[in-house]
mmCIF file of all heavy atoms, coordinates in Angstrom:
data_MODEL
# 
_entry.id   MODEL 
# 
loop_
_atom_site.group_PDB 
_atom_site.id 
_atom_site.type_symbol 
_atom_site.label_atom_id 
_atom_site.label_alt_id 
_atom_site.label_comp_id 
_atom_site.label_asym_id 
_atom_site.label_entity_id 
_atom_site.label_seq_id 
_atom_site.pdbx_PDB_ins_code 
_atom_site.Cartn_x 
_atom_site.Cartn_y 
_atom_site.Cartn_z 
_atom_site.occupancy 
_atom_site.B_iso_or_equiv 
_atom_site.pdbx_formal_charge 
_atom_site.auth_seq_id 
_atom_site.auth_comp_id 
_atom_site.auth_asym_id 
_atom_site.auth_atom_id 
_atom_site.pdbx_PDB_model_num 
ATOM 1   N N   . ARG A 1 1  ? 113.435 90.201  108.529 1.00 0.00 ? 1  ARG A N   1 
ATOM 2   C CA  . ARG A 1 1  ? 112.160 89.953  109.200 1.00 0.00 ? 1  ARG A CA  1 
ATOM 3   C C   . ARG A 1 1  ? 111.921 91.016  110.212 1.00 0.00 ? 1  ARG A C   1 
ATOM 4   O O   . ARG A 1 1  ? 110.801 91.483  110.338 1.00 0.00 ? 1  ARG A O   1 
ATOM 5   C CB  . ARG A 1 1  ? 112.191 88.617  109.746 1.00 0.00 ? 1  ARG A CB  1 
ATOM 6   C CG  . ARG A 1 1  ? 112.069 87.482  108.748 1.00 0.00 ? 1  ARG A CG  1 
ATOM 7   C CD  . ARG A 1 1  ? 112.022 86.129  109.174 1.00 0.00 ? 1  ARG A CD  1 
ATOM 8   N NE  . ARG A 1 1  ? 110.985 85.975  110.170 1.00 0.00 ? 1  ARG A NE  1 
ATOM 9   C CZ  . ARG A 1 1  ? 111.196 85.167  111.150 1.00 0.00 ? 1  ARG A CZ  1 
ATOM 10  N NH1 . ARG A 1 1  ? 112.181 84.442  111.396 1.00 0.00 ? 1  ARG A NH1 1 
ATOM 11  N NH2 . ARG A 1 1  ? 110.125 84.961  111.982 1.00 0.00 ? 1  ARG A NH2 1 
ATOM 12  N N   . ILE A 1 2  ? 112.882 91.501  110.982 1.00 0.00 ? 2  ILE A N   1 
ATOM 13  C CA  . ILE A 1 2  ? 112.656 92.494  111.981 1.00 0.00 ? 2  ILE A CA  1 
ATOM 14  C C   . ILE A 1 2  ? 112.429 93.822  111.298 1.00 0.00 ? 2  ILE A C   1 
ATOM 15  O O   . ILE A 1 2  ? 111.378 94.497  111.742 1.00 0.00 ? 2  ILE A O   1 
ATOM 16  C CB  . ILE A 1 2  ? 113.939 92.628  112.934 1.00 0.00 ? 2  ILE A CB  1 
ATOM 17  C CG1 . ILE A 1 2  ? 113.973 91.343  113.827 1.00 0.00 ? 2  ILE A CG1 1 
ATOM 18  C CG2 . ILE A 1 2  ? 113.818 93.862  113.778 1.00 0.00 ? 2  ILE A CG2 1 
ATOM 19  C CD1 . ILE A 1 2  ? 115.230 91.240  114.535 1.00 0.00 ? 2  ILE A CD1 1 
ATOM 20  N N   . PHE A 1 3  ? 113.090 94.092  110.278 1.00 0.00 ? 3  PHE A N   1 
ATOM 21  C CA  . PHE A 1 3  ? 112.873 95.363  109.522 1.00 0.00 ? 3  PHE A CA  1 
ATOM 22  C C   . PHE A 1 3  ? 111.439 95.401  108.947 1.00 0.00 ? 3  PHE A C   1 
ATOM 23  O O   . PHE A 1 3  ? 110.748 96.413  109.048 1.00 0.00 ? 3  PHE A O   1 
ATOM 24  C CB  . PHE A 1 3  ? 113.900 95.605  108.406 1.00 0.00 ? 3  PHE A CB  1 
ATOM 25  C CG  . PHE A 1 3  ? 113.567 96.701  107.517 1.00 0.00 ? 3  PHE A CG  1 
ATOM 26  C CD1 . PHE A 1 3  ? 113.797 97.997  108.000 1.00 0.00 ? 3  PHE A CD1 1 
ATOM 27  C CD2 . PHE A 1 3  ? 113.014 96.537  106.236 1.00 0.00 ? 3  PHE A CD2 1 
ATOM 28  C CE1 . PHE A 1 3  ? 113.443 99.138  107.132 1.00 0.00 ? 3  PHE A CE1 1 
ATOM 29  C CE2 . PHE A 1 3  ? 112.667 97.588  105.437 1.00 0.00 ? 3  PHE A CE2 1 
ATOM 30  C CZ  . PHE A 1 3  ? 112.854 98.926  105.896 1.00 0.00 ? 3  PHE A CZ  1 
ATOM 31  N N   . LEU A 1 4  ? 111.018 94.343  108.330 1.00 0.00 ? 4  LEU A N   1 
ATOM 32  C CA  . LEU A 1 4  ? 109.699 94.256  107.787 1.00 0.00 ? 4  LEU A CA  1 
ATOM 33  C C   . LEU A 1 4  ? 108.608 94.348  108.828 1.00 0.00 ? 4  LEU A C   1 
ATOM 34  O O   . LEU A 1 4  ? 107.533 94.890  108.660 1.00 0.00 ? 4  LEU A O   1 
ATOM 35  C CB  . LEU A 1 4  ? 109.497 93.011  106.870 1.00 0.00 ? 4  LEU A CB  1 
ATOM 36  C CG  . LEU A 1 4  ? 110.398 93.047  105.596 1.00 0.00 ? 4  LEU A CG  1 
ATOM 37  C CD1 . LEU A 1 4  ? 110.218 91.723  104.907 1.00 0.00 ? 4  LEU A CD1 1 
ATOM 38  C CD2 . LEU A 1 4  ? 109.908 94.158  104.731 1.00 0.00 ? 4  LEU A CD2 1 
ATOM 39  N N   . SER A 1 5  ? 108.911 93.713  110.018 1.00 0.00 ? 5  SER A N   1 
ATOM 40  C CA  . SER A 1 5  ? 107.922 93.725  111.104 1.00 0.00 ? 5  SER A CA  1 
ATOM 41  C C   . SER A 1 5  ? 107.688 95.194  111.572 1.00 0.00 ? 5  SER A C   1 
ATOM 42  O O   . SER A 1 5  ? 106.711 95.662  111.933 1.00 0.00 ? 5  SER A O   1 
ATOM 43  C CB  . SER A 1 5  ? 108.368 92.875  112.181 1.00 0.00 ? 5  SER A CB  1 
ATOM 44  O OG  . SER A 1 5  ? 108.183 91.506  111.803 1.00 0.00 ? 5  SER A OG  1 
ATOM 45  N N   . LEU A 1 6  ? 108.837 95.840  111.728 1.00 0.00 ? 6  LEU A N   1 
ATOM 46  C CA  . LEU A 1 6  ? 108.845 97.305  112.148 1.00 0.00 ? 6  LEU A CA  1 
ATOM 47  C C   . LEU A 1 6  ? 108.133 98.139  111.154 1.00 0.00 ? 6  LEU A C   1 
ATOM 48  O O   . LEU A 1 6  ? 107.338 99.053  111.516 1.00 0.00 ? 6  LEU A O   1 
ATOM 49  C CB  . LEU A 1 6  ? 110.306 97.835  112.401 1.00 0.00 ? 6  LEU A CB  1 
ATOM 50  C CG  . LEU A 1 6  ? 110.962 97.324  113.566 1.00 0.00 ? 6  LEU A CG  1 
ATOM 51  C CD1 . LEU A 1 6  ? 112.357 97.763  113.657 1.00 0.00 ? 6  LEU A CD1 1 
ATOM 52  C CD2 . LEU A 1 6  ? 110.188 97.736  114.844 1.00 0.00 ? 6  LEU A CD2 1 
ATOM 53  N N   . LEU A 1 7  ? 108.324 97.908  109.826 1.00 0.00 ? 7  LEU A N   1 
ATOM 54  C CA  . LEU A 1 7  ? 107.613 98.596  108.777 1.00 0.00 ? 7  LEU A CA  1 
ATOM 55  C C   . LEU A 1 7  ? 106.110 98.310  108.860 1.00 0.00 ? 7  LEU A C   1 
ATOM 56  O O   . LEU A 1 7  ? 105.343 99.278  108.791 1.00 0.00 ? 7  LEU A O   1 
ATOM 57  C CB  . LEU A 1 7  ? 108.152 98.152  107.398 1.00 0.00 ? 7  LEU A CB  1 
ATOM 58  C CG  . LEU A 1 7  ? 107.567 98.875  106.239 1.00 0.00 ? 7  LEU A CG  1 
ATOM 59  C CD1 . LEU A 1 7  ? 107.902 100.315 106.272 1.00 0.00 ? 7  LEU A CD1 1 
ATOM 60  C CD2 . LEU A 1 7  ? 108.108 98.176  104.954 1.00 0.00 ? 7  LEU A CD2 1 
ATOM 61  N N   . TYR A 1 8  ? 105.706 97.074  109.098 1.00 0.00 ? 8  TYR A N   1 
ATOM 62  C CA  . TYR A 1 8  ? 104.288 96.694  109.297 1.00 0.00 ? 8  TYR A CA  1 
ATOM 63  C C   . TYR A 1 8  ? 103.691 97.653  110.529 1.00 0.00 ? 8  TYR A C   1 
ATOM 64  O O   . TYR A 1 8  ? 102.621 98.118  110.494 1.00 0.00 ? 8  TYR A O   1 
ATOM 65  C CB  . TYR A 1 8  ? 104.085 95.276  109.566 1.00 0.00 ? 8  TYR A CB  1 
ATOM 66  C CG  . TYR A 1 8  ? 103.771 94.541  108.358 1.00 0.00 ? 8  TYR A CG  1 
ATOM 67  C CD1 . TYR A 1 8  ? 104.537 93.354  108.079 1.00 0.00 ? 8  TYR A CD1 1 
ATOM 68  C CD2 . TYR A 1 8  ? 102.789 94.744  107.435 1.00 0.00 ? 8  TYR A CD2 1 
ATOM 69  C CE1 . TYR A 1 8  ? 104.325 92.528  107.003 1.00 0.00 ? 8  TYR A CE1 1 
ATOM 70  C CE2 . TYR A 1 8  ? 102.488 94.029  106.345 1.00 0.00 ? 8  TYR A CE2 1 
ATOM 71  C CZ  . TYR A 1 8  ? 103.361 92.902  106.119 1.00 0.00 ? 8  TYR A CZ  1 
ATOM 72  O OH  . TYR A 1 8  ? 103.007 92.162  104.947 1.00 0.00 ? 8  TYR A OH  1 
ATOM 73  N N   . ALA A 1 9  ? 104.472 97.623  111.575 1.00 0.00 ? 9  ALA A N   1 
ATOM 74  C CA  . ALA A 1 9  ? 104.008 98.338  112.758 1.00 0.00 ? 9  ALA A CA  1 
ATOM 75  C C   . ALA A 1 9  ? 103.824 99.806  112.497 1.00 0.00 ? 9  ALA A C   1 
ATOM 76  O O   . ALA A 1 9  ? 102.898 100.376 112.963 1.00 0.00 ? 9  ALA A O   1 
ATOM 77  C CB  . ALA A 1 9  ? 104.940 98.086  113.962 1.00 0.00 ? 9  ALA A CB  1 
ATOM 78  N N   . VAL A 1 10 ? 104.886 100.427 111.869 1.00 0.00 ? 10 VAL A N   1 
ATOM 79  C CA  . VAL A 1 10 ? 104.788 101.778 111.516 1.00 0.00 ? 10 VAL A CA  1 
ATOM 80  C C   . VAL A 1 10 ? 103.587 102.155 110.655 1.00 0.00 ? 10 VAL A C   1 
ATOM 81  O O   . VAL A 1 10 ? 102.841 103.044 110.817 1.00 0.00 ? 10 VAL A O   1 
ATOM 82  C CB  . VAL A 1 10 ? 106.103 102.369 110.961 1.00 0.00 ? 10 VAL A CB  1 
ATOM 83  C CG1 . VAL A 1 10 ? 105.831 103.684 110.260 1.00 0.00 ? 10 VAL A CG1 1 
ATOM 84  C CG2 . VAL A 1 10 ? 107.173 102.347 111.929 1.00 0.00 ? 10 VAL A CG2 1 
ATOM 85  N N   . LEU A 1 11 ? 103.383 101.368 109.586 1.00 0.00 ? 11 LEU A N   1 
ATOM 86  C CA  . LEU A 1 11 ? 102.200 101.457 108.780 1.00 0.00 ? 11 LEU A CA  1 
ATOM 87  C C   . LEU A 1 11 ? 100.929 101.283 109.487 1.00 0.00 ? 11 LEU A C   1 
ATOM 88  O O   . LEU A 1 11 ? 99.908  102.030 109.173 1.00 0.00 ? 11 LEU A O   1 
ATOM 89  C CB  . LEU A 1 11 ? 102.332 100.503 107.514 1.00 0.00 ? 11 LEU A CB  1 
ATOM 90  C CG  . LEU A 1 11 ? 103.534 100.817 106.549 1.00 0.00 ? 11 LEU A CG  1 
ATOM 91  C CD1 . LEU A 1 11 ? 103.582 99.780  105.390 1.00 0.00 ? 11 LEU A CD1 1 
ATOM 92  C CD2 . LEU A 1 11 ? 103.214 102.167 105.921 1.00 0.00 ? 11 LEU A CD2 1 
ATOM 93  N N   . ALA A 1 12 ? 100.801 100.323 110.366 1.00 0.00 ? 12 ALA A N   1 
ATOM 94  C CA  . ALA A 1 12 ? 99.724  100.057 111.134 1.00 0.00 ? 12 ALA A CA  1 
ATOM 95  C C   . ALA A 1 12 ? 99.331  101.261 111.915 1.00 0.00 ? 12 ALA A C   1 
ATOM 96  O O   . ALA A 1 12 ? 98.183  101.708 111.936 1.00 0.00 ? 12 ALA A O   1 
ATOM 97  C CB  . ALA A 1 12 ? 99.847  98.837  111.993 1.00 0.00 ? 12 ALA A CB  1 
ATOM 98  N N   . ILE A 1 13 ? 100.248 101.783 112.650 1.00 0.00 ? 13 ILE A N   1 
ATOM 99  C CA  . ILE A 1 13 ? 99.950  103.006 113.565 1.00 0.00 ? 13 ILE A CA  1 
ATOM 100 C C   . ILE A 1 13 ? 99.622  104.210 112.727 1.00 0.00 ? 13 ILE A C   1 
ATOM 101 O O   . ILE A 1 13 ? 98.631  104.848 113.005 1.00 0.00 ? 13 ILE A O   1 
ATOM 102 C CB  . ILE A 1 13 ? 101.177 103.185 114.446 1.00 0.00 ? 13 ILE A CB  1 
ATOM 103 C CG1 . ILE A 1 13 ? 101.378 102.090 115.461 1.00 0.00 ? 13 ILE A CG1 1 
ATOM 104 C CG2 . ILE A 1 13 ? 101.102 104.543 115.195 1.00 0.00 ? 13 ILE A CG2 1 
ATOM 105 C CD1 . ILE A 1 13 ? 102.749 102.042 116.169 1.00 0.00 ? 13 ILE A CD1 1 
ATOM 106 N N   . SER A 1 14 ? 100.422 104.525 111.803 1.00 0.00 ? 14 SER A N   1 
ATOM 107 C CA  . SER A 1 14 ? 100.094 105.741 110.901 1.00 0.00 ? 14 SER A CA  1 
ATOM 108 C C   . SER A 1 14 ? 98.769  105.555 110.182 1.00 0.00 ? 14 SER A C   1 
ATOM 109 O O   . SER A 1 14 ? 98.072  106.539 110.099 1.00 0.00 ? 14 SER A O   1 
ATOM 110 C CB  . SER A 1 14 ? 101.246 106.031 109.921 1.00 0.00 ? 14 SER A CB  1 
ATOM 111 O OG  . SER A 1 14 ? 101.439 105.005 109.057 1.00 0.00 ? 14 SER A OG  1 
ATOM 112 N N   . GLY A 1 15 ? 98.548  104.320 109.589 1.00 0.00 ? 15 GLY A N   1 
ATOM 113 C CA  . GLY A 1 15 ? 97.305  104.188 108.821 1.00 0.00 ? 15 GLY A CA  1 
ATOM 114 C C   . GLY A 1 15 ? 96.043  104.354 109.748 1.00 0.00 ? 15 GLY A C   1 
ATOM 115 O O   . GLY A 1 15 ? 95.058  104.820 109.433 1.00 0.00 ? 15 GLY A O   1 
ATOM 116 N N   . THR A 1 16 ? 96.174  103.659 110.950 1.00 0.00 ? 16 THR A N   1 
ATOM 117 C CA  . THR A 1 16 ? 95.063  103.736 111.906 1.00 0.00 ? 16 THR A CA  1 
ATOM 118 C C   . THR A 1 16 ? 94.772  105.130 112.373 1.00 0.00 ? 16 THR A C   1 
ATOM 119 O O   . THR A 1 16 ? 93.685  105.591 112.335 1.00 0.00 ? 16 THR A O   1 
ATOM 120 C CB  . THR A 1 16 ? 95.345  102.815 113.144 1.00 0.00 ? 16 THR A CB  1 
ATOM 121 O OG1 . THR A 1 16 ? 95.563  101.463 112.687 1.00 0.00 ? 16 THR A OG1 1 
ATOM 122 C CG2 . THR A 1 16 ? 94.292  102.896 114.070 1.00 0.00 ? 16 THR A CG2 1 
ATOM 123 N N   . LEU A 1 17 ? 95.868  105.876 112.725 1.00 0.00 ? 17 LEU A N   1 
ATOM 124 C CA  . LEU A 1 17 ? 95.622  107.249 113.153 1.00 0.00 ? 17 LEU A CA  1 
ATOM 125 C C   . LEU A 1 17 ? 95.042  108.112 112.038 1.00 0.00 ? 17 LEU A C   1 
ATOM 126 O O   . LEU A 1 17 ? 94.134  108.898 112.314 1.00 0.00 ? 17 LEU A O   1 
ATOM 127 C CB  . LEU A 1 17 ? 97.005  107.776 113.674 1.00 0.00 ? 17 LEU A CB  1 
ATOM 128 C CG  . LEU A 1 17 ? 97.494  107.233 114.947 1.00 0.00 ? 17 LEU A CG  1 
ATOM 129 C CD1 . LEU A 1 17 ? 98.853  107.799 115.352 1.00 0.00 ? 17 LEU A CD1 1 
ATOM 130 C CD2 . LEU A 1 17 ? 96.504  107.438 116.089 1.00 0.00 ? 17 LEU A CD2 1 
ATOM 131 N N   . SER A 1 18 ? 95.521  107.902 110.805 1.00 0.00 ? 18 SER A N   1 
ATOM 132 C CA  . SER A 1 18 ? 95.123  108.921 109.779 1.00 0.00 ? 18 SER A CA  1 
ATOM 133 C C   . SER A 1 18 ? 93.675  108.534 109.327 1.00 0.00 ? 18 SER A C   1 
ATOM 134 O O   . SER A 1 18 ? 92.813  109.432 109.140 1.00 0.00 ? 18 SER A O   1 
ATOM 135 C CB  . SER A 1 18 ? 96.016  108.901 108.572 1.00 0.00 ? 18 SER A CB  1 
ATOM 136 O OG  . SER A 1 18 ? 96.171  107.610 108.079 1.00 0.00 ? 18 SER A OG  1 
ATOM 137 N N   . ASN A 1 19 ? 93.282  107.261 109.357 1.00 0.00 ? 19 ASN A N   1 
ATOM 138 C CA  . ASN A 1 19 ? 91.830  106.864 108.972 1.00 0.00 ? 19 ASN A CA  1 
ATOM 139 C C   . ASN A 1 19 ? 90.982  107.303 110.056 1.00 0.00 ? 19 ASN A C   1 
ATOM 140 O O   . ASN A 1 19 ? 89.815  107.798 109.839 1.00 0.00 ? 19 ASN A O   1 
ATOM 141 C CB  . ASN A 1 19 ? 91.816  105.356 108.740 1.00 0.00 ? 19 ASN A CB  1 
ATOM 142 C CG  . ASN A 1 19 ? 92.277  105.053 107.447 1.00 0.00 ? 19 ASN A CG  1 
ATOM 143 O OD1 . ASN A 1 19 ? 91.822  105.555 106.397 1.00 0.00 ? 19 ASN A OD1 1 
ATOM 144 N ND2 . ASN A 1 19 ? 93.310  104.186 107.338 1.00 0.00 ? 19 ASN A ND2 1 
ATOM 145 N N   . VAL A 1 20 ? 91.340  107.173 111.432 1.00 0.00 ? 20 VAL A N   1 
ATOM 146 C CA  . VAL A 1 20 ? 90.522  107.539 112.430 1.00 0.00 ? 20 VAL A CA  1 
ATOM 147 C C   . VAL A 1 20 ? 90.384  109.143 112.412 1.00 0.00 ? 20 VAL A C   1 
ATOM 148 O O   . VAL A 1 20 ? 89.253  109.708 112.703 1.00 0.00 ? 20 VAL A O   1 
ATOM 149 C CB  . VAL A 1 20 ? 91.085  107.199 113.817 1.00 0.00 ? 20 VAL A CB  1 
ATOM 150 C CG1 . VAL A 1 20 ? 90.428  107.885 114.938 1.00 0.00 ? 20 VAL A CG1 1 
ATOM 151 C CG2 . VAL A 1 20 ? 90.974  105.703 114.021 1.00 0.00 ? 20 VAL A CG2 1 
ATOM 152 N N   . MET A 1 21 ? 91.360  109.907 112.084 1.00 0.00 ? 21 MET A N   1 
ATOM 153 C CA  . MET A 1 21 ? 91.285  111.308 111.955 1.00 0.00 ? 21 MET A CA  1 
ATOM 154 C C   . MET A 1 21 ? 90.374  111.711 110.890 1.00 0.00 ? 21 MET A C   1 
ATOM 155 O O   . MET A 1 21 ? 89.499  112.715 111.144 1.00 0.00 ? 21 MET A O   1 
ATOM 156 C CB  . MET A 1 21 ? 92.672  111.929 111.730 1.00 0.00 ? 21 MET A CB  1 
ATOM 157 C CG  . MET A 1 21 ? 92.690  113.425 111.819 1.00 0.00 ? 21 MET A CG  1 
ATOM 158 S SD  . MET A 1 21 ? 94.252  114.250 111.428 1.00 0.00 ? 21 MET A SD  1 
ATOM 159 C CE  . MET A 1 21 ? 95.433  113.174 112.003 1.00 0.00 ? 21 MET A CE  1 
ATOM 160 N N   . VAL A 1 22 ? 90.438  111.091 109.736 1.00 0.00 ? 22 VAL A N   1 
ATOM 161 C CA  . VAL A 1 22 ? 89.517  111.444 108.625 1.00 0.00 ? 22 VAL A CA  1 
ATOM 162 C C   . VAL A 1 22 ? 88.032  111.209 109.152 1.00 0.00 ? 22 VAL A C   1 
ATOM 163 O O   . VAL A 1 22 ? 87.157  112.039 108.841 1.00 0.00 ? 22 VAL A O   1 
ATOM 164 C CB  . VAL A 1 22 ? 89.753  110.666 107.329 1.00 0.00 ? 22 VAL A CB  1 
ATOM 165 C CG1 . VAL A 1 22 ? 88.710  110.826 106.316 1.00 0.00 ? 22 VAL A CG1 1 
ATOM 166 C CG2 . VAL A 1 22 ? 91.117  111.045 106.863 1.00 0.00 ? 22 VAL A CG2 1 
ATOM 167 N N   . ILE A 1 23 ? 87.756  110.080 109.693 1.00 0.00 ? 23 ILE A N   1 
ATOM 168 C CA  . ILE A 1 23 ? 86.420  109.725 110.089 1.00 0.00 ? 23 ILE A CA  1 
ATOM 169 C C   . ILE A 1 23 ? 85.970  110.724 111.109 1.00 0.00 ? 23 ILE A C   1 
ATOM 170 O O   . ILE A 1 23 ? 84.852  111.247 111.099 1.00 0.00 ? 23 ILE A O   1 
ATOM 171 C CB  . ILE A 1 23 ? 86.389  108.277 110.636 1.00 0.00 ? 23 ILE A CB  1 
ATOM 172 C CG1 . ILE A 1 23 ? 86.603  107.299 109.591 1.00 0.00 ? 23 ILE A CG1 1 
ATOM 173 C CG2 . ILE A 1 23 ? 85.014  108.005 111.409 1.00 0.00 ? 23 ILE A CG2 1 
ATOM 174 C CD1 . ILE A 1 23 ? 86.785  105.847 109.994 1.00 0.00 ? 23 ILE A CD1 1 
ATOM 175 N N   . TYR A 1 24 ? 86.813  111.037 112.127 1.00 0.00 ? 24 TYR A N   1 
ATOM 176 C CA  . TYR A 1 24 ? 86.533  112.095 113.141 1.00 0.00 ? 24 TYR A CA  1 
ATOM 177 C C   . TYR A 1 24 ? 86.120  113.447 112.526 1.00 0.00 ? 24 TYR A C   1 
ATOM 178 O O   . TYR A 1 24 ? 85.146  113.970 112.862 1.00 0.00 ? 24 TYR A O   1 
ATOM 179 C CB  . TYR A 1 24 ? 87.629  112.254 114.084 1.00 0.00 ? 24 TYR A CB  1 
ATOM 180 C CG  . TYR A 1 24 ? 87.499  113.353 114.996 1.00 0.00 ? 24 TYR A CG  1 
ATOM 181 C CD1 . TYR A 1 24 ? 86.535  113.339 116.101 1.00 0.00 ? 24 TYR A CD1 1 
ATOM 182 C CD2 . TYR A 1 24 ? 88.229  114.561 114.803 1.00 0.00 ? 24 TYR A CD2 1 
ATOM 183 C CE1 . TYR A 1 24 ? 86.351  114.493 116.971 1.00 0.00 ? 24 TYR A CE1 1 
ATOM 184 C CE2 . TYR A 1 24 ? 88.051  115.612 115.710 1.00 0.00 ? 24 TYR A CE2 1 
ATOM 185 C CZ  . TYR A 1 24 ? 87.139  115.616 116.763 1.00 0.00 ? 24 TYR A CZ  1 
ATOM 186 O OH  . TYR A 1 24 ? 86.952  116.684 117.501 1.00 0.00 ? 24 TYR A OH  1 
ATOM 187 N N   . LEU A 1 25 ? 86.899  113.857 111.557 1.00 0.00 ? 25 LEU A N   1 
ATOM 188 C CA  . LEU A 1 25 ? 86.753  115.185 110.948 1.00 0.00 ? 25 LEU A CA  1 
ATOM 189 C C   . LEU A 1 25 ? 85.365  115.250 110.227 1.00 0.00 ? 25 LEU A C   1 
ATOM 190 O O   . LEU A 1 25 ? 84.722  116.191 110.264 1.00 0.00 ? 25 LEU A O   1 
ATOM 191 C CB  . LEU A 1 25 ? 87.857  115.550 110.034 1.00 0.00 ? 25 LEU A CB  1 
ATOM 192 C CG  . LEU A 1 25 ? 89.199  115.894 110.707 1.00 0.00 ? 25 LEU A CG  1 
ATOM 193 C CD1 . LEU A 1 25 ? 90.270  116.115 109.739 1.00 0.00 ? 25 LEU A CD1 1 
ATOM 194 C CD2 . LEU A 1 25 ? 88.952  117.150 111.558 1.00 0.00 ? 25 LEU A CD2 1 
# 
């Protein structure tokens, strides 16, 4: 459960940053 929660957190951060970057560009 901890591993999957960390995976969700990493995907949330990387997905948010990359989508915001595409919109900004």
